Protein backbone atom coordinates (compact mmCIF):
# COMPACT_ATOMS: atom_id res chain seq x y z
CA UNK A 1 6.57 49.08 -5.14
CA UNK A 2 3.72 46.96 -7.13
CA UNK A 3 4.50 47.55 -10.72
CA UNK A 4 1.70 47.62 -13.44
CA UNK A 5 1.61 43.88 -14.02
CA UNK A 6 1.19 43.13 -10.10
CA UNK A 7 -1.55 45.79 -9.85
CA UNK A 8 -3.30 44.26 -12.94
CA UNK A 9 -3.11 41.15 -11.41
CA UNK A 10 -4.57 42.32 -8.45
CA UNK A 11 -7.23 44.13 -9.92
CA UNK A 12 -8.29 41.02 -11.92
CA UNK A 13 -8.27 38.38 -8.88
CA UNK A 14 -11.85 38.15 -8.42
CA UNK A 15 -12.17 37.71 -12.50
CA UNK A 16 -9.26 35.24 -12.78
CA UNK A 17 -11.25 33.11 -9.91
CA UNK A 18 -14.40 33.18 -11.49
CA UNK A 19 -13.26 31.96 -14.73
CA UNK A 20 -11.02 29.37 -13.19
CA UNK A 21 -14.00 28.14 -11.01
CA UNK A 22 -16.41 27.85 -14.30
CA UNK A 23 -13.57 25.95 -16.01
CA UNK A 24 -12.94 23.54 -13.16
CA UNK A 25 -16.38 22.84 -12.69
CA UNK A 26 -16.83 21.86 -16.02
CA UNK A 27 -13.42 19.79 -16.47
CA UNK A 28 -12.87 18.70 -12.93
CA UNK A 29 -15.66 15.94 -11.67
CA UNK A 30 -14.53 16.06 -8.16
CA UNK A 31 -15.70 19.77 -8.22
CA UNK A 32 -19.23 19.14 -8.67
CA UNK A 33 -19.10 18.01 -4.88
CA UNK A 34 -17.33 20.97 -3.59
CA UNK A 35 -19.18 24.05 -2.35
CA UNK A 36 -18.07 27.41 -4.14
CA UNK A 37 -16.28 28.26 -0.88
CA UNK A 38 -14.55 25.30 -0.65
CA UNK A 39 -13.57 25.06 -4.25
CA UNK A 40 -11.73 28.34 -3.92
CA UNK A 41 -10.16 27.68 -0.67
CA UNK A 42 -6.31 28.63 -0.72
CA UNK A 43 -6.30 29.84 -4.21
CA UNK A 44 -7.18 33.94 -3.46
CA UNK A 45 -4.34 33.52 -0.92
CA UNK A 46 -2.05 32.16 -3.71
CA UNK A 47 -3.10 34.53 -6.28
CA UNK A 48 -2.00 37.49 -3.51
CA UNK A 49 1.25 35.90 -3.17
CA UNK A 50 1.62 36.11 -6.99
CA UNK A 51 1.09 39.67 -6.68
CA UNK A 52 3.88 40.01 -4.50
CA UNK A 53 6.14 38.10 -6.49
CA UNK A 54 5.42 40.23 -9.52
CA UNK A 55 5.71 43.20 -7.72
CA UNK A 56 9.94 42.44 -7.36
CA UNK A 57 10.73 41.74 -11.00
CA UNK A 58 13.23 44.48 -11.11
CA UNK A 59 15.18 42.95 -8.22
CA UNK A 60 15.00 39.41 -8.07
CA UNK A 61 17.66 38.45 -5.37
CA UNK A 62 18.27 35.04 -3.99
CA UNK A 63 16.81 36.07 -0.51
CA UNK A 64 13.71 37.33 -2.47
CA UNK A 65 13.29 34.22 -4.58
CA UNK A 66 13.66 31.82 -1.21
CA UNK A 67 11.20 33.98 0.27
CA UNK A 68 8.72 33.90 -2.46
CA UNK A 69 9.45 29.90 -2.90
CA UNK A 70 8.71 29.62 0.94
CA UNK A 71 5.53 31.26 0.58
CA UNK A 72 4.35 29.27 -2.40
CA UNK A 73 5.52 25.80 -0.89
CA UNK A 74 3.28 26.84 2.15
CA UNK A 75 -0.10 27.56 -0.12
CA UNK A 76 0.56 24.80 -2.17
CA UNK A 77 0.72 22.34 0.63
CA UNK A 78 -2.38 23.97 2.13
CA UNK A 79 -4.19 23.41 -1.12
CA UNK A 80 -2.91 19.79 -1.30
CA UNK A 81 -4.26 19.16 2.28
CA UNK A 82 -7.72 20.68 1.60
CA UNK A 83 -8.10 18.68 -1.36
CA UNK A 84 -6.82 15.13 0.21
CA UNK A 85 -9.65 15.97 2.58
CA UNK A 86 -12.52 15.30 -0.04
CA UNK A 87 -13.02 11.84 -0.79
CA UNK A 88 -13.93 12.68 -4.22
CA UNK A 89 -10.67 14.15 -5.51
CA UNK A 90 -7.71 12.24 -7.24
CA UNK A 91 -4.12 13.92 -7.54
CA UNK A 92 -4.70 13.85 -11.30
CA UNK A 93 -7.83 15.99 -10.66
CA UNK A 94 -5.77 18.40 -8.34
CA UNK A 95 -3.01 18.95 -10.96
CA UNK A 96 -5.51 19.69 -13.59
CA UNK A 97 -6.94 22.57 -11.69
CA UNK A 98 -3.33 24.19 -11.78
CA UNK A 99 -2.99 23.68 -15.28
CA UNK A 100 -6.62 25.35 -15.72
CA UNK A 101 -5.25 28.15 -13.22
CA UNK A 102 -2.25 28.54 -15.38
CA UNK A 103 -4.16 28.78 -18.57
CA UNK A 104 -6.56 31.44 -17.04
CA UNK A 105 -3.84 33.49 -16.07
CA UNK A 106 -2.14 34.03 -19.05
CA UNK A 107 -5.57 34.54 -21.07
CA UNK A 108 -6.71 37.03 -18.51
CA UNK A 109 -3.14 39.14 -17.96
CA UNK A 110 -2.39 39.11 -21.87
CA UNK A 111 -5.76 40.09 -23.03
CA UNK A 112 -4.49 43.54 -23.83
CA UNK A 113 -0.50 43.65 -22.95
CA UNK A 114 1.97 40.83 -23.60
CA UNK A 115 3.88 39.82 -20.24
CA UNK A 116 7.66 39.92 -20.29
CA UNK A 117 9.60 36.88 -20.47
CA UNK A 118 10.55 37.58 -16.76
CA UNK A 119 7.00 37.79 -15.53
CA UNK A 120 6.09 34.53 -17.47
CA UNK A 121 8.80 32.67 -16.05
CA UNK A 122 8.11 34.02 -12.16
CA UNK A 123 4.42 32.71 -13.12
CA UNK A 124 5.11 29.33 -14.65
CA UNK A 125 7.70 28.70 -11.93
CA UNK A 126 5.25 29.60 -9.22
CA UNK A 127 2.58 27.48 -10.60
CA UNK A 128 4.81 24.41 -10.97
CA UNK A 129 6.05 25.00 -7.24
CA UNK A 130 2.59 25.06 -6.21
CA UNK A 131 1.55 21.70 -8.03
CA UNK A 132 4.66 19.83 -6.68
CA UNK A 133 4.17 21.17 -3.07
CA UNK A 134 0.13 20.65 -3.40
CA UNK A 135 0.77 16.90 -4.92
CA UNK A 136 3.09 15.97 -2.34
CA UNK A 137 1.23 17.05 0.57
CA UNK A 138 -1.94 15.68 -0.96
CA UNK A 139 -0.03 12.19 -0.90
CA UNK A 140 1.38 12.68 2.42
CA UNK A 141 -1.93 13.55 3.83
CA UNK A 142 -3.83 10.77 2.17
CA UNK A 143 -1.17 8.10 3.76
CA UNK A 144 -1.49 9.46 7.11
CA UNK A 145 -5.44 9.31 7.07
CA UNK A 146 -4.76 5.68 5.74
CA UNK A 147 -2.26 4.85 8.38
CA UNK A 148 -4.59 6.25 11.15
CA UNK A 149 -7.66 4.50 9.56
CA UNK A 150 -5.61 1.40 9.24
CA UNK A 151 -4.35 1.48 12.90
CA UNK A 152 -7.67 2.59 14.43
CA UNK A 153 -9.55 0.01 12.45
CA UNK A 154 -7.36 -3.28 13.40
CA UNK A 155 -7.33 -1.88 17.28
CA UNK A 156 -10.97 -1.65 17.18
CA UNK A 157 -11.61 -5.12 15.46
CA UNK A 158 -9.07 -6.98 17.43
CA UNK A 159 -10.41 -6.30 20.97
CA UNK A 160 -13.98 -7.95 20.44
CA UNK A 161 -12.46 -10.71 18.19
CA UNK A 162 -10.33 -11.62 21.10
CA UNK A 163 -13.07 -11.33 23.65
CA UNK A 164 -15.41 -13.81 21.08
CA UNK A 165 -12.23 -15.99 20.78
CA UNK A 166 -11.75 -16.49 24.44
CA UNK A 167 -15.40 -16.99 24.86
CA UNK A 168 -15.49 -19.84 22.32
CA UNK A 169 -12.57 -21.43 24.04
CA UNK A 170 -13.89 -21.42 27.34
CA UNK A 171 -17.13 -23.36 25.97
CA UNK A 172 -15.08 -25.66 23.92
CA UNK A 173 -13.30 -26.74 27.28
CA UNK A 174 -16.63 -27.14 28.89
CA UNK A 175 -17.76 -29.60 26.02
CA UNK A 176 -17.43 -33.45 26.16
CA UNK A 177 -15.26 -34.53 23.53
CA UNK A 178 -18.17 -36.53 21.61
CA UNK A 179 -20.45 -33.63 21.70
CA UNK A 180 -21.53 -32.63 18.35
CA UNK A 181 -20.92 -29.06 18.89
CA UNK A 182 -16.97 -29.35 19.27
CA UNK A 183 -16.35 -29.50 15.63
CA UNK A 184 -18.58 -26.31 15.28
CA UNK A 185 -16.92 -24.53 18.05
CA UNK A 186 -13.25 -25.57 16.49
CA UNK A 187 -14.52 -23.81 13.41
CA UNK A 188 -15.65 -20.67 15.13
CA UNK A 189 -11.91 -20.45 16.73
CA UNK A 190 -10.52 -21.42 13.53
CA UNK A 191 -12.16 -18.49 11.53
CA UNK A 192 -11.32 -16.31 14.35
CA UNK A 193 -7.92 -17.25 14.06
CA UNK A 194 -7.90 -16.32 10.23
CA UNK A 195 -9.83 -12.89 11.02
CA UNK A 196 -7.09 -12.05 13.32
CA UNK A 197 -4.34 -12.89 10.93
CA UNK A 198 -6.01 -10.82 8.19
CA UNK A 199 -5.91 -7.98 10.64
CA UNK A 200 -2.22 -8.34 11.09
CA UNK A 201 -1.77 -8.76 7.23
CA UNK A 202 -3.43 -5.08 7.25
CA UNK A 203 -0.93 -3.84 9.54
CA UNK A 204 1.97 -5.70 7.75
CA UNK A 205 0.75 -3.88 4.63
CA UNK A 206 0.95 -0.39 6.34
CA UNK A 207 4.58 -0.95 6.99
CA UNK A 208 5.23 -2.42 3.51
CA UNK A 209 3.74 0.68 1.98
CA UNK A 210 5.73 2.86 4.65
CA UNK A 211 8.97 1.02 3.19
CA UNK A 212 9.36 -1.00 6.33
CA UNK A 213 9.92 -5.10 6.37
CA UNK A 214 7.92 -7.31 8.54
CA UNK A 215 9.90 -7.95 11.56
CA UNK A 216 10.45 -11.75 12.10
CA UNK A 217 11.95 -13.40 14.88
CA UNK A 218 14.20 -16.64 13.97
CA UNK A 219 14.33 -19.63 16.25
CA UNK A 220 14.40 -23.31 15.95
CA UNK A 221 10.89 -24.66 14.65
CA UNK A 222 9.86 -27.66 12.50
CA UNK A 223 8.15 -26.79 9.35
CA UNK A 224 6.69 -30.29 8.83
CA UNK A 225 4.80 -29.81 12.42
CA UNK A 226 3.82 -26.24 11.03
CA UNK A 227 2.10 -27.63 7.95
CA UNK A 228 0.53 -30.28 9.72
CA UNK A 229 -1.22 -28.16 12.23
CA UNK A 230 -2.19 -25.47 9.38
CA UNK A 231 -3.84 -28.30 7.28
CA UNK A 232 -5.35 -29.72 10.65
CA UNK A 233 -7.10 -26.43 11.38
CA UNK A 234 -8.24 -25.85 7.80
CA UNK A 235 -9.68 -28.98 7.41
CA UNK A 236 -12.44 -28.13 10.04
CA UNK A 237 -13.81 -25.94 7.05
CA UNK A 238 -12.70 -27.95 4.24
CA UNK A 239 -12.59 -31.73 5.22
CA UNK A 240 -10.76 -34.19 2.94
CA UNK A 241 -9.13 -31.19 0.66
CA UNK A 242 -5.38 -31.74 1.51
CA UNK A 243 -2.45 -33.85 0.45
CA UNK A 244 0.48 -33.42 2.49
CA UNK A 245 3.91 -34.78 1.10
CA UNK A 246 6.85 -34.64 3.65
CA UNK A 247 9.62 -36.74 4.75
CA UNK A 248 9.08 -35.86 8.41
CA UNK A 249 10.85 -33.62 10.81
CA UNK A 250 12.09 -30.87 9.09
CA UNK A 251 13.99 -28.26 11.40
CA UNK A 252 15.28 -24.72 11.04
CA UNK A 253 15.88 -21.28 12.09
CA UNK A 254 12.64 -19.58 10.81
CA UNK A 255 9.96 -17.14 12.13
CA UNK A 256 7.26 -19.61 13.07
CA UNK A 257 4.29 -17.42 13.18
CA UNK A 258 5.40 -15.81 10.11
CA UNK A 259 5.95 -19.19 8.19
CA UNK A 260 2.40 -20.40 9.57
CA UNK A 261 0.74 -17.14 8.21
CA UNK A 262 2.59 -17.92 4.64
CA UNK A 263 1.14 -21.41 4.55
CA UNK A 264 -2.08 -20.47 5.43
CA UNK A 265 -2.16 -17.64 2.74
CA UNK A 266 -1.24 -20.13 0.13
CA UNK A 267 -3.34 -22.83 1.20
CA UNK A 268 -6.55 -20.53 1.49
CA UNK A 269 -5.68 -19.34 -1.86
CA UNK A 270 -5.47 -22.71 -3.33
CA UNK A 271 -8.84 -23.46 -1.76
CA UNK A 272 -10.55 -20.49 -2.73
CA UNK A 273 -9.25 -20.79 -6.59
CA UNK A 274 -8.73 -24.55 -6.77
CA UNK A 275 -11.04 -27.08 -8.27
CA UNK A 276 -13.09 -28.75 -5.43
CA UNK A 277 -12.75 -31.85 -7.29
CA UNK A 278 -9.05 -32.37 -6.97
CA UNK A 279 -7.04 -32.22 -3.73
CA UNK A 280 -4.69 -29.68 -2.92
CA UNK A 281 -0.88 -30.83 -2.58
CA UNK A 282 1.47 -29.37 0.21
CA UNK A 283 5.00 -30.93 -0.30
CA UNK A 284 7.83 -30.06 1.60
CA UNK A 285 11.47 -31.50 0.67
CA UNK A 286 14.77 -30.87 2.41
CA UNK A 287 18.62 -31.37 2.13
CA UNK A 288 21.19 -30.26 4.94
CA UNK A 289 21.04 -26.21 4.12
CA UNK A 290 17.52 -25.56 2.40
CA UNK A 291 14.05 -26.57 2.13
CA UNK A 292 11.40 -26.47 -0.76
CA UNK A 293 7.84 -25.96 -0.19
CA UNK A 294 5.55 -26.67 -2.80
CA UNK A 295 1.75 -25.89 -2.72
CA UNK A 296 -0.37 -26.89 -5.83
CA UNK A 297 -4.02 -26.96 -6.99
CA UNK A 298 -5.97 -27.53 -10.13
CA UNK A 299 -8.07 -24.76 -11.18
CA UNK A 300 -8.35 -21.95 -13.58
CA UNK A 301 -4.52 -20.94 -14.70
CA UNK A 302 -2.84 -17.66 -13.97
CA UNK A 303 -1.55 -16.31 -17.16
CA UNK A 304 2.19 -15.41 -17.69
CA UNK A 305 1.52 -11.60 -17.78
CA UNK A 306 -0.62 -11.83 -14.27
CA UNK A 307 2.05 -13.68 -12.73
CA UNK A 308 4.56 -10.82 -12.13
CA UNK A 309 1.56 -8.85 -10.28
CA UNK A 310 0.62 -11.27 -7.93
CA UNK A 311 2.52 -9.82 -5.11
CA UNK A 312 1.70 -6.32 -5.58
CA UNK A 313 -0.35 -5.16 -2.64
CA UNK A 314 -4.37 -4.87 -3.44
CA UNK A 315 -3.44 -6.58 -6.85
CA UNK A 316 -5.78 -9.46 -7.82
CA UNK A 317 -5.78 -11.56 -10.86
CA UNK A 318 -8.81 -11.83 -13.27
CA UNK A 319 -9.66 -15.29 -11.98
CA UNK A 320 -10.21 -13.56 -8.33
CA UNK A 321 -12.54 -10.70 -9.27
CA UNK A 322 -15.69 -12.72 -7.92
CA UNK A 323 -13.61 -13.61 -4.66
CA UNK A 324 -13.83 -11.74 -1.40
CA UNK A 325 -10.56 -10.76 -0.15
CA UNK A 326 -8.27 -7.66 -0.14
CA UNK A 327 -5.36 -8.57 -2.24
CA UNK A 328 -2.87 -8.57 0.70
CA UNK A 329 -1.86 -12.19 1.43
CA UNK A 330 0.34 -12.87 -1.54
CA UNK A 331 2.23 -9.47 -0.74
CA UNK A 332 2.72 -11.04 2.83
CA UNK A 333 3.85 -14.27 1.51
CA UNK A 334 6.62 -12.39 -0.72
CA UNK A 335 7.92 -10.21 2.05
CA UNK A 336 8.12 -13.07 4.52
CA UNK A 337 10.23 -15.12 2.04
CA UNK A 338 12.32 -11.98 1.33
CA UNK A 339 12.66 -11.88 5.01
CA UNK A 340 14.15 -15.30 5.10
CA UNK A 341 16.53 -14.71 2.17
CA UNK A 342 14.44 -17.14 0.14
CA UNK A 343 12.71 -17.28 -3.47
CA UNK A 344 9.40 -17.73 -4.54
CA UNK A 345 8.35 -18.90 -8.00
CA UNK A 346 4.92 -19.48 -9.44
CA UNK A 347 4.31 -22.07 -12.31
CA UNK A 348 0.63 -22.13 -13.85
CA UNK A 349 -0.49 -24.27 -16.76
CA UNK A 350 -4.17 -25.45 -17.72
CA UNK A 351 -2.99 -29.18 -17.51
CA UNK A 352 -0.80 -29.12 -14.88
CA UNK A 353 -2.35 -26.78 -12.37
CA UNK A 354 -0.80 -23.87 -10.17
CA UNK A 355 2.30 -24.55 -8.01
CA UNK A 356 3.75 -21.70 -5.53
CA UNK A 357 7.33 -23.00 -5.07
CA UNK A 358 9.29 -21.62 -1.94
CA UNK A 359 12.92 -22.19 -1.32
CA UNK A 360 14.19 -21.25 1.79
CA UNK A 361 17.59 -21.43 3.61
CA UNK A 362 17.55 -23.52 6.99
CA UNK A 363 19.07 -21.11 8.96
CA UNK A 364 18.90 -17.46 7.70
CA UNK A 365 21.01 -16.15 10.64
CA UNK A 366 24.22 -16.66 8.94
CA UNK A 367 23.13 -14.63 5.70
CA UNK A 368 21.80 -11.86 7.57
CA UNK A 369 25.16 -11.74 9.10
CA UNK A 370 27.17 -11.90 6.24
CA UNK A 371 25.05 -9.24 4.60
CA UNK A 372 25.25 -6.86 7.57
CA UNK A 373 28.89 -7.45 7.73
CA UNK A 374 29.48 -6.81 4.05
CA UNK A 375 27.13 -3.42 4.02
CA UNK A 376 29.40 -2.44 7.13
CA UNK A 377 32.60 -3.04 5.12
CA UNK A 378 31.19 -1.28 2.37
CA UNK A 379 30.33 1.80 4.31
CA UNK A 380 33.72 2.04 5.66
CA UNK A 381 35.33 1.82 2.31
CA UNK A 382 32.98 4.41 0.97
CA UNK A 383 33.90 6.92 4.03
CA UNK A 384 37.77 6.25 3.54
CA UNK A 385 37.17 7.51 -0.37
């Protein structure tokens, strides 16, 4: 049976919604873009749920509490999903809506009679549960939207891109070697390849955000040859930009495509942010078990405060604000280095320039196997205890 507090709440639902809506319109910017019905959405249902919760203050059994929690979770998720569908709302604004609701509830309900401690606890716990559920659903909904958008965008972009690249390759094959169009066609193909790598980078970013690592396939390849191929391709658009220092053949078990993209990202960054009056130097050194790759350029230095942020997704340094890009390249570089069980260090100085230093084992397979065996043995030990 509804008690007096529950009846008062039911009687004042419209008043609470009206006051809440007025305050939200003043305090939450995103609410200005919502129609009245969309603004209220699931809150009337939530308040009716709260009426039911307050109707049972005498007998708060475990079953009753669980039932109320399930209902609150469902409504909170509904609210979070609806807010995520609006391009204007942020999670902070979503939480602010609930904080306003709690204040309005207490103001209206305690205008004449103070609520009991149990009733206040029911309201506070209910709203906290609703906030948590709404925020979680908001984040999950946005992530799903972003994943669908990324997958659709990359799929729709790669189809015409592949068609264009194939057409350009067919034209190139029909040209004489001395034709003046040959360098231009090679440049077009090279740029198509770079765009394709950017698209793959978006997919990789989605995987990283989902807690997944970029898949790699280790096989015997020559890092010196990869560097030569990358710099030759990039020289079509930036002639006389690169200086390669290498001892020659450098074989190891790596993911060839991954290292190619890694080098492309580092070298392209060096071109973008470097001083055009100085060459970009790519140095490769090796010993029996490991390699060290350095990409150096002169230009505006990266501050020590910014260096730790370089490899975060969508993060860009102050010097890159006027440059085109998504801030994904260095994230991919770091993940590829990690996948090969290597390390990366950045040194930047006004006088000495900026250097990205990457160290990789020549054969990451043995390291992966040892770590896998360690985790298996560790799991067995934990299970025995």
